[in-house]
Amino acid sequence: MIHNERIEADEPDSRSISLDQRLREVEASLITWALTLSRGNKSKAAKLLQIKRSTLGDRINRCGLGRGERDAAAAASHGQPAI
């Protein structure tokens, strides 16, 4: 059965998602994965992601990962759980 519900463009719907937000989450997750696998080495992480090192730096900043991400990757490289 097809519902003929009409959703106004300016009204948020409980079924709606923000594509931009989800893409940022996926990007941050992949950067976290690459930095963890490379033990915080951004050049190696960039190679894993098949992007330039400078692009990785830009994306780290855009995702707001910064220092916290470096700490998590460093902890992972020493076998410590990230806080």
C-alpha atoms as a PDB file:
ATOM      1  CA  MET A   1       0.000   0.000   0.000  1.00  0.00           C
ATOM      2  CA  ILE A   2       1.325   3.427  -0.922  1.00  0.00           C
ATOM      3  CA  HIS A   3       0.729   6.225   1.531  1.00  0.00           C
ATOM      4  CA  ASN A   4      -0.072   9.577   0.080  1.00  0.00           C
ATOM      5  CA  GLU A   5       1.593  11.529   2.870  1.00  0.00           C
ATOM      6  CA  ARG A   6       2.845  14.914   1.987  1.00  0.00           C
ATOM      7  CA  ILE A   7       5.974  16.211   3.714  1.00  0.00           C
ATOM      8  CA  GLU A   8       6.592  19.921   3.642  1.00  0.00           C
ATOM      9  CA  ALA A   9      10.173  20.815   2.720  1.00  0.00           C
ATOM     10  CA  ASP A  10      10.683  23.017   5.759  1.00  0.00           C
ATOM     11  CA  GLU A  11       9.192  20.531   8.266  1.00  0.00           C
ATOM     12  CA  PRO A  12      11.553  17.948   9.745  1.00  0.00           C
ATOM     13  CA  ASP A  13      10.164  14.434   9.550  1.00  0.00           C
ATOM     14  CA  SER A  14      10.879  11.726  12.113  1.00  0.00           C
ATOM     15  CA  ARG A  15      12.096   9.524   9.244  1.00  0.00           C
ATOM     16  CA  SER A  16      14.505  12.103   7.849  1.00  0.00           C
ATOM     17  CA  ILE A  17      18.274  12.074   8.260  1.00  0.00           C
ATOM     18  CA  SER A  18      20.935  14.636   7.566  1.00  0.00           C
ATOM     19  CA  LEU A  19      23.082  13.373   4.709  1.00  0.00           C
ATOM     20  CA  ASP A  20      25.813  15.887   5.535  1.00  0.00           C
ATOM     21  CA  GLN A  21      25.921  14.763   9.180  1.00  0.00           C
ATOM     22  CA  ARG A  22      26.038  11.075   8.239  1.00  0.00           C
ATOM     23  CA  LEU A  23      28.841  11.702   5.721  1.00  0.00           C
ATOM     24  CA  ARG A  24      30.868  13.546   8.388  1.00  0.00           C
ATOM     25  CA  GLU A  25      30.351  10.621  10.764  1.00  0.00           C
ATOM     26  CA  VAL A  26      31.497   8.093   8.148  1.00  0.00           C
ATOM     27  CA  GLU A  27      34.485  10.268   7.228  1.00  0.00           C
ATOM     28  CA  ALA A  28      35.492  10.656  10.891  1.00  0.00           C
ATOM     29  CA  SER A  29      35.127   6.913  11.435  1.00  0.00           C
ATOM     30  CA  LEU A  30      37.350   6.087   8.466  1.00  0.00           C
ATOM     31  CA  ILE A  31      39.974   8.624   9.517  1.00  0.00           C
ATOM     32  CA  THR A  32      39.930   7.188  13.041  1.00  0.00           C
ATOM     33  CA  TRP A  33      40.351   3.689  11.623  1.00  0.00           C
ATOM     34  CA  ALA A  34      43.288   4.722   9.426  1.00  0.00           C
ATOM     35  CA  LEU A  35      45.036   6.656  12.204  1.00  0.00           C
ATOM     36  CA  THR A  36      44.601   3.759  14.608  1.00  0.00           C
ATOM     37  CA  LEU A  37      45.889   1.222  12.103  1.00  0.00           C
ATOM     38  CA  SER A  38      48.861   3.450  11.262  1.00  0.00           C
ATOM     39  CA  ARG A  39      49.505   4.170  14.959  1.00  0.00           C
ATOM     40  CA  GLY A  40      48.976   7.885  14.463  1.00  0.00           C
ATOM     41  CA  ASN A  41      51.250   8.202  11.426  1.00  0.00           C
ATOM     42  CA  LYS A  42      49.347  10.604   9.185  1.00  0.00           C
ATOM     43  CA  SER A  43      51.373   9.797   6.060  1.00  0.00           C
ATOM     44  CA  LYS A  44      50.555   6.101   6.411  1.00  0.00           C
ATOM     45  CA  ALA A  45      46.942   6.878   7.285  1.00  0.00           C
ATOM     46  CA  ALA A  46      46.637   9.012   4.143  1.00  0.00           C
ATOM     47  CA  LYS A  47      47.991   6.125   2.049  1.00  0.00           C
ATOM     48  CA  LEU A  48      45.441   3.763   3.594  1.00  0.00           C
ATOM     49  CA  LEU A  49      42.688   6.224   2.670  1.00  0.00           C
ATOM     50  CA  GLN A  50      44.212   6.861  -0.776  1.00  0.00           C
ATOM     51  CA  ILE A  51      44.351  10.619  -0.250  1.00  0.00           C
ATOM     52  CA  LYS A  52      47.166  13.156   0.041  1.00  0.00           C
ATOM     53  CA  ARG A  53      48.684  13.820   3.464  1.00  0.00           C
ATOM     54  CA  SER A  54      47.619  17.466   3.262  1.00  0.00           C
ATOM     55  CA  THR A  55      44.047  16.432   2.451  1.00  0.00           C
ATOM     56  CA  LEU A  56      44.010  14.174   5.509  1.00  0.00           C
ATOM     57  CA  GLY A  57      45.095  17.095   7.692  1.00  0.00           C
ATOM     58  CA  ASP A  58      42.320  19.258   6.276  1.00  0.00           C
ATOM     59  CA  ARG A  59      39.732  16.552   6.862  1.00  0.00           C
ATOM     60  CA  ILE A  60      40.948  15.899  10.406  1.00  0.00           C
ATOM     61  CA  ASN A  61      40.403  19.587  11.148  1.00  0.00           C
ATOM     62  CA  ARG A  62      37.032  19.688   9.371  1.00  0.00           C
ATOM     63  CA  CYS A  63      35.788  16.655  11.332  1.00  0.00           C
ATOM     64  CA  GLY A  64      37.037  18.195  14.567  1.00  0.00           C
ATOM     65  CA  LEU A  65      39.231  15.203  15.355  1.00  0.00           C
ATOM     66  CA  GLY A  66      42.414  17.120  16.190  1.00  0.00           C
ATOM     67  CA  ARG A  67      44.260  16.301  19.403  1.00  0.00           C
ATOM     68  CA  GLY A  68      41.744  13.818  20.777  1.00  0.00           C
ATOM     69  CA  GLU A  69      42.211  11.611  17.745  1.00  0.00           C
ATOM     70  CA  ARG A  70      45.996  11.698  18.030  1.00  0.00           C
ATOM     71  CA  ASP A  71      45.687  10.658  21.670  1.00  0.00           C
ATOM     72  CA  ALA A  72      43.376   7.759  20.773  1.00  0.00           C
ATOM     73  CA  ALA A  73      45.700   6.557  18.019  1.00  0.00           C
ATOM     74  CA  ALA A  74      48.731   6.825  20.300  1.00  0.00           C
ATOM     75  CA  ALA A  75      46.938   4.878  23.044  1.00  0.00           C
ATOM     76  CA  ALA A  76      45.971   2.205  20.542  1.00  0.00           C
ATOM     77  CA  SER A  77      49.563   1.895  19.375  1.00  0.00           C
ATOM     78  CA  HIS A  78      50.591   1.163  22.967  1.00  0.00           C
ATOM     79  CA  GLY A  79      47.779  -1.322  23.544  1.00  0.00           C
ATOM     80  CA  GLN A  80      45.920   1.034  25.872  1.00  0.00           C
ATOM     81  CA  PRO A  81      42.202   1.677  25.603  1.00  0.00           C
ATOM     82  CA  ALA A  82      41.275   5.179  24.456  1.00  0.00           C
ATOM     83  CA  ILE A  83      39.399   7.208  27.068  1.00  0.00           C
END
